[in-house]
Amino acid sequence: MTEPRRPVVQGPGRPPPGAVAVLVACVVASLALPYVPGGRLAWWPLMLLSTLAHELGHGVAAVLVGGDFVSLQVFADGSGVAVTAHAGGRAARAL
């Protein structure tokens, strides 16, 4: 008779088995994608998505310190701008 499988117990701060390999594979694929024929077509939406996430971070930070998230623009070249309004002090402006 076979023994039941026990779950793998991870220590604090230890990634699950294989997580580091998946992370490294994703980083390598992301860096290589623009140089593969046709890869720029797949890379471009990912670049826009990362810009969107970055600019949304500015908006969320503004709202968290009591400001307003006025507008967000993401441009085709991968750049973007988040416009916020606040009446806070230096700490609010820094975020």
PDB file of N, CA and C in Angstrom:
ATOM      1  N   MET A   1       0.839  -1.174   0.000  1.00  0.00           N
ATOM      2  CA  MET A   1       0.000   0.000   0.000  1.00  0.00           C
ATOM      3  C   MET A   1       0.891   1.248   0.000  1.00  0.00           C
ATOM      4  N   THR A   2       0.487   2.258  -0.729  1.00  0.00           N
ATOM      5  CA  THR A   2       1.292   3.473  -0.822  1.00  0.00           C
ATOM      6  C   THR A   2       0.902   4.451   0.278  1.00  0.00           C
ATOM      7  N   GLU A   3       1.885   5.212   0.687  1.00  0.00           N
ATOM      8  CA  GLU A   3       1.637   6.221   1.712  1.00  0.00           C
ATOM      9  C   GLU A   3       1.017   7.459   1.073  1.00  0.00           C
ATOM     10  N   PRO A   4       0.131   8.146   1.789  1.00  0.00           N
ATOM     11  CA  PRO A   4      -0.432   9.386   1.235  1.00  0.00           C
ATOM     12  C   PRO A   4       0.654  10.451   1.136  1.00  0.00           C
ATOM     13  N   ARG A   5       0.526  11.291   0.137  1.00  0.00           N
ATOM     14  CA  ARG A   5       1.503  12.365  -0.052  1.00  0.00           C
ATOM     15  C   ARG A   5       1.266  13.473   0.956  1.00  0.00           C
ATOM     16  N   ARG A   6       2.354  13.955   1.489  1.00  0.00           N
ATOM     17  CA  ARG A   6       2.276  15.067   2.424  1.00  0.00           C
ATOM     18  C   ARG A   6       2.640  16.350   1.690  1.00  0.00           C
ATOM     19  N   PRO A   7       1.980  17.455   2.031  1.00  0.00           N
ATOM     20  CA  PRO A   7       2.337  18.720   1.373  1.00  0.00           C
ATOM     21  C   PRO A   7       3.748  19.152   1.759  1.00  0.00           C
ATOM     22  N   VAL A   8       4.402  19.811   0.826  1.00  0.00           N
ATOM     23  CA  VAL A   8       5.741  20.327   1.091  1.00  0.00           C
ATOM     24  C   VAL A   8       5.607  21.546   2.000  1.00  0.00           C
ATOM     25  N   VAL A   9       6.292  21.516   3.119  1.00  0.00           N
ATOM     26  CA  VAL A   9       6.242  22.633   4.062  1.00  0.00           C
ATOM     27  C   VAL A   9       7.411  23.555   3.751  1.00  0.00           C
ATOM     28  N   GLN A  10       7.093  24.802   3.488  1.00  0.00           N
ATOM     29  CA  GLN A  10       8.112  25.798   3.175  1.00  0.00           C
ATOM     30  C   GLN A  10       8.454  26.580   4.430  1.00  0.00           C
ATOM     31  N   GLY A  11       9.715  26.901   4.570  1.00  0.00           N
ATOM     32  CA  GLY A  11      10.133  27.762   5.663  1.00  0.00           C
ATOM     33  C   GLY A  11       9.797  29.205   5.330  1.00  0.00           C
ATOM     34  N   PRO A  12       9.868  30.080   6.307  1.00  0.00           N
ATOM     35  CA  PRO A  12       9.573  31.485   6.037  1.00  0.00           C
ATOM     36  C   PRO A  12      10.584  32.075   5.058  1.00  0.00           C
ATOM     37  N   GLY A  13      10.079  32.785   4.081  1.00  0.00           N
ATOM     38  CA  GLY A  13      10.939  33.443   3.107  1.00  0.00           C
ATOM     39  C   GLY A  13      11.469  32.537   2.018  1.00  0.00           C
ATOM     40  N   ARG A  14      11.016  31.306   1.951  1.00  0.00           N
ATOM     41  CA  ARG A  14      11.492  30.370   0.930  1.00  0.00           C
ATOM     42  C   ARG A  14      10.466  30.284  -0.187  1.00  0.00           C
ATOM     43  N   PRO A  15      10.893  30.469  -1.440  1.00  0.00           N
ATOM     44  CA  PRO A  15       9.947  30.359  -2.555  1.00  0.00           C
ATOM     45  C   PRO A  15       9.551  28.908  -2.790  1.00  0.00           C
ATOM     46  N   PRO A  16       8.382  28.676  -3.382  1.00  0.00           N
ATOM     47  CA  PRO A  16       7.975  27.311  -3.706  1.00  0.00           C
ATOM     48  C   PRO A  16       8.946  26.684  -4.702  1.00  0.00           C
ATOM     49  N   PRO A  17       9.026  25.363  -4.741  1.00  0.00           N
ATOM     50  CA  PRO A  17       9.943  24.706  -5.675  1.00  0.00           C
ATOM     51  C   PRO A  17       9.642  25.113  -7.119  1.00  0.00           C
ATOM     52  N   GLY A  18      10.665  25.463  -7.852  1.00  0.00           N
ATOM     53  CA  GLY A  18      10.506  25.832  -9.254  1.00  0.00           C
ATOM     54  C   GLY A  18      10.175  27.293  -9.498  1.00  0.00           C
ATOM     55  N   ALA A  19       9.870  28.057  -8.455  1.00  0.00           N
ATOM     56  CA  ALA A  19       9.470  29.452  -8.643  1.00  0.00           C
ATOM     57  C   ALA A  19      10.613  30.292  -9.195  1.00  0.00           C
ATOM     58  N   VAL A  20      11.815  30.053  -8.734  1.00  0.00           N
ATOM     59  CA  VAL A  20      12.967  30.827  -9.206  1.00  0.00           C
ATOM     60  C   VAL A  20      13.228  30.521 -10.673  1.00  0.00           C
ATOM     61  N   ALA A  21      13.102  29.258 -11.069  1.00  0.00           N
ATOM     62  CA  ALA A  21      13.310  28.886 -12.471  1.00  0.00           C
ATOM     63  C   ALA A  21      12.274  29.544 -13.372  1.00  0.00           C
ATOM     64  N   VAL A  22      11.029  29.610 -12.930  1.00  0.00           N
ATOM     65  CA  VAL A  22       9.979  30.267 -13.716  1.00  0.00           C
ATOM     66  C   VAL A  22      10.267  31.755 -13.829  1.00  0.00           C
ATOM     67  N   LEU A  23      10.693  32.381 -12.742  1.00  0.00           N
ATOM     68  CA  LEU A  23      11.021  33.805 -12.770  1.00  0.00           C
ATOM     69  C   LEU A  23      12.157  34.088 -13.738  1.00  0.00           C
ATOM     70  N   VAL A  24      13.215  33.295 -13.684  1.00  0.00           N
ATOM     71  CA  VAL A  24      14.353  33.483 -14.585  1.00  0.00           C
ATOM     72  C   VAL A  24      13.926  33.282 -16.034  1.00  0.00           C
ATOM     73  N   ALA A  25      13.104  32.274 -16.309  1.00  0.00           N
ATOM     74  CA  ALA A  25      12.628  32.028 -17.676  1.00  0.00           C
ATOM     75  C   ALA A  25      11.800  33.205 -18.187  1.00  0.00           C
ATOM     76  N   CYS A  26      10.964  33.781 -17.342  1.00  0.00           N
ATOM     77  CA  CYS A  26      10.149  34.934 -17.748  1.00  0.00           C
ATOM     78  C   CYS A  26      11.017  36.154 -18.037  1.00  0.00           C
ATOM     79  N   VAL A  27      12.024  36.386 -17.218  1.00  0.00           N
ATOM     80  CA  VAL A  27      12.921  37.522 -17.441  1.00  0.00           C
ATOM     81  C   VAL A  27      13.688  37.344 -18.744  1.00  0.00           C
ATOM     82  N   VAL A  28      14.221  36.152 -18.976  1.00  0.00           N
ATOM     83  CA  VAL A  28      14.967  35.888 -20.213  1.00  0.00           C
ATOM     84  C   VAL A  28      14.061  36.043 -21.428  1.00  0.00           C
ATOM     85  N   ALA A  29      12.848  35.511 -21.358  1.00  0.00           N
ATOM     86  CA  ALA A  29      11.914  35.633 -22.482  1.00  0.00           C
ATOM     87  C   ALA A  29      11.553  37.094 -22.734  1.00  0.00           C
ATOM     88  N   SER A  30      11.354  37.867 -21.681  1.00  0.00           N
ATOM     89  CA  SER A  30      11.010  39.284 -21.839  1.00  0.00           C
ATOM     90  C   SER A  30      12.142  40.069 -22.484  1.00  0.00           C
ATOM     91  N   LEU A  31      13.378  39.753 -22.093  1.00  0.00           N
ATOM     92  CA  LEU A  31      14.519  40.460 -22.670  1.00  0.00           C
ATOM     93  C   LEU A  31      14.783  40.041 -24.109  1.00  0.00           C
ATOM     94  N   ALA A  32      14.491  38.799 -24.458  1.00  0.00           N
ATOM     95  CA  ALA A  32      14.762  38.294 -25.805  1.00  0.00           C
ATOM     96  C   ALA A  32      13.657  38.628 -26.792  1.00  0.00           C
ATOM     97  N   LEU A  33      12.449  38.871 -26.309  1.00  0.00           N
ATOM     98  CA  LEU A  33      11.290  39.049 -27.189  1.00  0.00           C
ATOM     99  C   LEU A  33      11.463  40.127 -28.249  1.00  0.00           C
ATOM    100  N   PRO A  34      12.023  41.299 -27.944  1.00  0.00           N
ATOM    101  CA  PRO A  34      12.164  42.323 -28.983  1.00  0.00           C
ATOM    102  C   PRO A  34      13.123  41.928 -30.111  1.00  0.00           C
ATOM    103  N   TYR A  35      13.986  40.952 -29.881  1.00  0.00           N
ATOM    104  CA  TYR A  35      14.988  40.570 -30.877  1.00  0.00           C
ATOM    105  C   TYR A  35      14.580  39.352 -31.700  1.00  0.00           C
ATOM    106  N   VAL A  36      13.469  38.732 -31.359  1.00  0.00           N
ATOM    107  CA  VAL A  36      12.959  37.576 -32.103  1.00  0.00           C
ATOM    108  C   VAL A  36      12.083  38.101 -33.236  1.00  0.00           C
ATOM    109  N   PRO A  37      12.182  37.524 -34.451  1.00  0.00           N
ATOM    110  CA  PRO A  37      11.312  37.991 -35.540  1.00  0.00           C
ATOM    111  C   PRO A  37       9.837  37.924 -35.128  1.00  0.00           C
ATOM    112  N   GLY A  38       9.155  39.039 -35.263  1.00  0.00           N
ATOM    113  CA  GLY A  38       7.754  39.128 -34.863  1.00  0.00           C
ATOM    114  C   GLY A  38       7.566  39.335 -33.374  1.00  0.00           C
ATOM    115  N   GLY A  39       8.639  39.344 -32.635  1.00  0.00           N
ATOM    116  CA  GLY A  39       8.548  39.484 -31.185  1.00  0.00           C
ATOM    117  C   GLY A  39       8.107  40.856 -30.730  1.00  0.00           C
ATOM    118  N   ARG A  40       8.423  41.867 -31.533  1.00  0.00           N
ATOM    119  CA  ARG A  40       8.009  43.229 -31.146  1.00  0.00           C
ATOM    120  C   ARG A  40       6.491  43.353 -31.093  1.00  0.00           C
ATOM    121  N   LEU A  41       5.794  42.615 -31.944  1.00  0.00           N
ATOM    122  CA  LEU A  41       4.329  42.658 -31.904  1.00  0.00           C
ATOM    123  C   LEU A  41       3.806  42.097 -30.587  1.00  0.00           C
ATOM    124  N   ALA A  42       4.459  41.091 -30.054  1.00  0.00           N
ATOM    125  CA  ALA A  42       4.046  40.528 -28.768  1.00  0.00           C
ATOM    126  C   ALA A  42       4.550  41.384 -27.611  1.00  0.00           C
ATOM    127  N   TRP A  43       5.700  42.032 -27.787  1.00  0.00           N
ATOM    128  CA  TRP A  43       6.311  42.816 -26.722  1.00  0.00           C
ATOM    129  C   TRP A  43       5.595  44.144 -26.499  1.00  0.00           C
ATOM    130  N   TRP A  44       5.083  44.750 -27.562  1.00  0.00           N
ATOM    131  CA  TRP A  44       4.489  46.088 -27.481  1.00  0.00           C
ATOM    132  C   TRP A  44       3.317  46.153 -26.495  1.00  0.00           C
ATOM    133  N   PRO A  45       2.321  45.245 -26.560  1.00  0.00           N
ATOM    134  CA  PRO A  45       1.240  45.333 -25.565  1.00  0.00           C
ATOM    135  C   PRO A  45       1.730  45.121 -24.132  1.00  0.00           C
ATOM    136  N   LEU A  46       2.751  44.294 -23.955  1.00  0.00           N
ATOM    137  CA  LEU A  46       3.294  44.092 -22.612  1.00  0.00           C
ATOM    138  C   LEU A  46       3.950  45.369 -22.095  1.00  0.00           C
ATOM    139  N   MET A  47       4.613  46.092 -22.989  1.00  0.00           N
ATOM    140  CA  MET A  47       5.229  47.361 -22.614  1.00  0.00           C
ATOM    141  C   MET A  47       4.145  48.368 -22.213  1.00  0.00           C
ATOM    142  N   LEU A  48       3.066  48.430 -22.986  1.00  0.00           N
ATOM    143  CA  LEU A  48       1.974  49.347 -22.651  1.00  0.00           C
ATOM    144  C   LEU A  48       1.323  48.965 -21.323  1.00  0.00           C
ATOM    145  N   LEU A  49       1.190  47.672 -21.085  1.00  0.00           N
ATOM    146  CA  LEU A  49       0.605  47.207 -19.830  1.00  0.00           C
ATOM    147  C   LEU A  49       1.486  47.586 -18.639  1.00  0.00           C
ATOM    148  N   SER A  50       2.790  47.483 -18.793  1.00  0.00           N
ATOM    149  CA  SER A  50       3.681  47.862 -17.689  1.00  0.00           C
ATOM    150  C   SER A  50       3.639  49.370 -17.446  1.00  0.00           C
ATOM    151  N   THR A  51       3.521  50.155 -18.518  1.00  0.00           N
ATOM    152  CA  THR A  51       3.388  51.607 -18.355  1.00  0.00           C
ATOM    153  C   THR A  51       2.083  51.943 -17.648  1.00  0.00           C
ATOM    154  N   LEU A  52       1.010  51.258 -18.023  1.00  0.00           N
ATOM    155  CA  LEU A  52      -0.283  51.477 -17.376  1.00  0.00           C
ATOM    156  C   LEU A  52      -0.190  51.182 -15.879  1.00  0.00           C
ATOM    157  N   ALA A  53       0.414  50.057 -15.522  1.00  0.00           N
ATOM    158  CA  ALA A  53       0.553  49.698 -14.108  1.00  0.00           C
ATOM    159  C   ALA A  53       1.389  50.739 -13.363  1.00  0.00           C
ATOM    160  N   HIS A  54       2.448  51.228 -14.005  1.00  0.00           N
ATOM    161  CA  HIS A  54       3.314  52.232 -13.380  1.00  0.00           C
ATOM    162  C   HIS A  54       2.543  53.522 -13.113  1.00  0.00           C
ATOM    163  N   GLU A  55       1.841  54.003 -14.120  1.00  0.00           N
ATOM    164  CA  GLU A  55       1.113  55.266 -13.968  1.00  0.00           C
ATOM    165  C   GLU A  55      -0.056  55.124 -12.997  1.00  0.00           C
ATOM    166  N   LEU A  56      -0.705  53.962 -12.978  1.00  0.00           N
ATOM    167  CA  LEU A  56      -1.769  53.737 -12.003  1.00  0.00           C
ATOM    168  C   LEU A  56      -1.212  53.774 -10.581  1.00  0.00           C
ATOM    169  N   GLY A  57       0.025  53.349 -10.424  1.00  0.00           N
ATOM    170  CA  GLY A  57       0.670  53.436  -9.115  1.00  0.00           C
ATOM    171  C   GLY A  57       0.771  54.867  -8.630  1.00  0.00           C
ATOM    172  N   HIS A  58       1.080  55.785  -9.547  1.00  0.00           N
ATOM    173  CA  HIS A  58       1.110  57.202  -9.177  1.00  0.00           C
ATOM    174  C   HIS A  58      -0.283  57.669  -8.759  1.00  0.00           C
ATOM    175  N   GLY A  59      -1.291  57.252  -9.496  1.00  0.00           N
ATOM    176  CA  GLY A  59      -2.662  57.644  -9.166  1.00  0.00           C
ATOM    177  C   GLY A  59      -3.110  57.110  -7.820  1.00  0.00           C
ATOM    178  N   VAL A  60      -2.811  55.855  -7.553  1.00  0.00           N
ATOM    179  CA  VAL A  60      -3.186  55.255  -6.268  1.00  0.00           C
ATOM    180  C   VAL A  60      -2.464  55.961  -5.127  1.00  0.00           C
ATOM    181  N   ALA A  61      -1.189  56.268  -5.309  1.00  0.00           N
ATOM    182  CA  ALA A  61      -0.436  56.978  -4.270  1.00  0.00           C
ATOM    183  C   ALA A  61      -1.057  58.343  -3.999  1.00  0.00           C
ATOM    184  N   ALA A  62      -1.486  59.037  -5.051  1.00  0.00           N
ATOM    185  CA  ALA A  62      -2.110  60.350  -4.862  1.00  0.00           C
ATOM    186  C   ALA A  62      -3.404  60.232  -4.066  1.00  0.00           C
ATOM    187  N   VAL A  63      -4.210  59.234  -4.391  1.00  0.00           N
ATOM    188  CA  VAL A  63      -5.472  59.045  -3.675  1.00  0.00           C
ATOM    189  C   VAL A  63      -5.211  58.666  -2.216  1.00  0.00           C
ATOM    190  N   LEU A  64      -4.189  57.856  -1.975  1.00  0.00           N
ATOM    191  CA  LEU A  64      -3.881  57.434  -0.606  1.00  0.00           C
ATOM    192  C   LEU A  64      -3.460  58.589   0.292  1.00  0.00           C
ATOM    193  N   VAL A  65      -2.873  59.638  -0.276  1.00  0.00           N
ATOM    194  CA  VAL A  65      -2.471  60.788   0.543  1.00  0.00           C
ATOM    195  C   VAL A  65      -3.506  61.905   0.498  1.00  0.00           C
ATOM    196  N   GLY A  66      -4.702  61.590  -0.031  1.00  0.00           N
ATOM    197  CA  GLY A  66      -5.793  62.554  -0.003  1.00  0.00           C
ATOM    198  C   GLY A  66      -5.944  63.404  -1.240  1.00  0.00           C
ATOM    199  N   GLY A  67      -5.230  63.092  -2.297  1.00  0.00           N
ATOM    200  CA  GLY A  67      -5.345  63.861  -3.534  1.00  0.00           C
ATOM    201  C   GLY A  67      -6.373  63.262  -4.481  1.00  0.00           C
ATOM    202  N   ASP A  68      -6.398  63.784  -5.683  1.00  0.00           N
ATOM    203  CA  ASP A  68      -7.308  63.302  -6.723  1.00  0.00           C
ATOM    204  C   ASP A  68      -6.500  62.773  -7.894  1.00  0.00           C
ATOM    205  N   PHE A  69      -7.013  61.727  -8.506  1.00  0.00           N
ATOM    206  CA  PHE A  69      -6.428  61.153  -9.717  1.00  0.00           C
ATOM    207  C   PHE A  69      -7.213  61.760 -10.871  1.00  0.00           C
ATOM    208  N   VAL A  70      -6.618  62.733 -11.555  1.00  0.00           N
ATOM    209  CA  VAL A  70      -7.325  63.520 -12.561  1.00  0.00           C
ATOM    210  C   VAL A  70      -7.384  62.799 -13.901  1.00  0.00           C
ATOM    211  N   SER A  71      -6.240  62.369 -14.419  1.00  0.00           N
ATOM    212  CA  SER A  71      -6.245  61.704 -15.726  1.00  0.00           C
ATOM    213  C   SER A  71      -5.014  60.827 -15.879  1.00  0.00           C
ATOM    214  N   LEU A  72      -5.087  59.963 -16.878  1.00  0.00           N
ATOM    215  CA  LEU A  72      -4.002  59.036 -17.182  1.00  0.00           C
ATOM    216  C   LEU A  72      -3.893  58.932 -18.691  1.00  0.00           C
ATOM    217  N   GLN A  73      -2.676  59.058 -19.201  1.00  0.00           N
ATOM    218  CA  GLN A  73      -2.434  58.890 -20.635  1.00  0.00           C
ATOM    219  C   GLN A  73      -1.279  57.926 -20.826  1.00  0.00           C
ATOM    220  N   VAL A  74      -1.473  56.955 -21.724  1.00  0.00           N
ATOM    221  CA  VAL A  74      -0.413  56.036 -22.122  1.00  0.00           C
ATOM    222  C   VAL A  74      -0.231  56.228 -23.616  1.00  0.00           C
ATOM    223  N   PHE A  75       0.997  56.489 -24.042  1.00  0.00           N
ATOM    224  CA  PHE A  75       1.284  56.778 -25.442  1.00  0.00           C
ATOM    225  C   PHE A  75       1.828  55.543 -26.152  1.00  0.00           C
ATOM    226  N   ALA A  76       1.726  55.535 -27.466  1.00  0.00           N
ATOM    227  CA  ALA A  76       2.115  54.377 -28.272  1.00  0.00           C
ATOM    228  C   ALA A  76       3.595  54.042 -28.152  1.00  0.00           C
ATOM    229  N   ASP A  77       4.423  55.015 -27.776  1.00  0.00           N
ATOM    230  CA  ASP A  77       5.859  54.733 -27.651  1.00  0.00           C
ATOM    231  C   ASP A  77       6.225  54.119 -26.296  1.00  0.00           C
ATOM    232  N   GLY A  78       5.221  53.884 -25.451  1.00  0.00           N
ATOM    233  CA  GLY A  78       5.466  53.263 -24.156  1.00  0.00           C
ATOM    234  C   GLY A  78       5.604  54.242 -23.014  1.00  0.00           C
ATOM    235  N   SER A  79       5.550  55.528 -23.309  1.00  0.00           N
ATOM    236  CA  SER A  79       5.614  56.512 -22.232  1.00  0.00           C
ATOM    237  C   SER A  79       4.202  56.774 -21.717  1.00  0.00           C
ATOM    238  N   GLY A  80       4.110  57.440 -20.590  1.00  0.00           N
ATOM    239  CA  GLY A  80       2.807  57.738 -20.027  1.00  0.00           C
ATOM    240  C   GLY A  80       2.900  58.867 -19.026  1.00  0.00           C
ATOM    241  N   VAL A  81       1.730  59.376 -18.654  1.00  0.00           N
ATOM    242  CA  VAL A  81       1.673  60.452 -17.670  1.00  0.00           C
ATOM    243  C   VAL A  81       0.396  60.290 -16.845  1.00  0.00           C
ATOM    244  N   ALA A  82       0.537  60.458 -15.539  1.00  0.00           N
ATOM    245  CA  ALA A  82      -0.600  60.464 -14.626  1.00  0.00           C
ATOM    246  C   ALA A  82      -0.700  61.869 -14.052  1.00  0.00           C
ATOM    247  N   VAL A  83      -1.859  62.475 -14.191  1.00  0.00           N
ATOM    248  CA  VAL A  83      -2.072  63.826 -13.670  1.00  0.00           C
ATOM    249  C   VAL A  83      -2.855  63.705 -12.373  1.00  0.00           C
ATOM    250  N   THR A  84      -2.293  64.267 -11.317  1.00  0.00           N
ATOM    251  CA  THR A  84      -2.941  64.232 -10.010  1.00  0.00           C
ATOM    252  C   THR A  84      -3.068  65.650  -9.477  1.00  0.00           C
ATOM    253  N   ALA A  85      -3.990  65.834  -8.561  1.00  0.00           N
ATOM    254  CA  ALA A  85      -4.176  67.132  -7.911  1.00  0.00           C
ATOM    255  C   ALA A  85      -4.257  66.891  -6.410  1.00  0.00           C
ATOM    256  N   HIS A  86      -3.572  67.729  -5.663  1.00  0.00           N
ATOM    257  CA  HIS A  86      -3.585  67.580  -4.213  1.00  0.00           C
ATOM    258  C   HIS A  86      -3.249  68.909  -3.567  1.00  0.00           C
ATOM    259  N   ALA A  87      -3.676  69.040  -2.334  1.00  0.00           N
ATOM    260  CA  ALA A  87      -3.368  70.238  -1.565  1.00  0.00           C
ATOM    261  C   ALA A  87      -2.470  69.882  -0.389  1.00  0.00           C
ATOM    262  N   GLY A  88      -1.800  68.750  -0.486  1.00  0.00           N
ATOM    263  CA  GLY A  88      -0.976  68.267   0.619  1.00  0.00           C
ATOM    264  C   GLY A  88       0.352  68.980   0.703  1.00  0.00           C
ATOM    265  N   GLY A  89       1.118  68.583   1.676  1.00  0.00           N
ATOM    266  CA  GLY A  89       2.440  69.157   1.886  1.00  0.00           C
ATOM    267  C   GLY A  89       3.499  68.450   1.062  1.00  0.00           C
ATOM    268  N   ARG A  90       4.732  68.554   1.528  1.00  0.00           N
ATOM    269  CA  ARG A  90       5.858  67.975   0.790  1.00  0.00           C
ATOM    270  C   ARG A  90       5.758  66.458   0.669  1.00  0.00           C
ATOM    271  N   ALA A  91       5.304  65.788   1.716  1.00  0.00           N
ATOM    272  CA  ALA A  91       5.212  64.324   1.677  1.00  0.00           C
ATOM    273  C   ALA A  91       4.238  63.880   0.592  1.00  0.00           C
ATOM    274  N   ALA A  92       3.111  64.556   0.470  1.00  0.00           N
ATOM    275  CA  ALA A  92       2.127  64.197  -0.552  1.00  0.00           C
ATOM    276  C   ALA A  92       2.675  64.460  -1.944  1.00  0.00           C
ATOM    277  N   ARG A  93       3.388  65.558  -2.119  1.00  0.00           N
ATOM    278  CA  ARG A  93       3.955  65.866  -3.441  1.00  0.00           C
ATOM    279  C   ARG A  93       5.049  64.875  -3.821  1.00  0.00           C
ATOM    280  N   ALA A  94       5.768  64.365  -2.846  1.00  0.00           N
ATOM    281  CA  ALA A  94       6.844  63.413  -3.126  1.00  0.00           C
ATOM    282  C   ALA A  94       6.302  62.107  -3.680  1.00  0.00           C
ATOM    283  N   LEU A  95       5.117  61.717  -3.270  1.00  0.00           N
ATOM    284  CA  LEU A  95       4.520  60.482  -3.769  1.00  0.00           C
ATOM    285  C   LEU A  95       3.875  60.723  -5.102  1.00  0.00           C
TER     286      LEU A  95
END
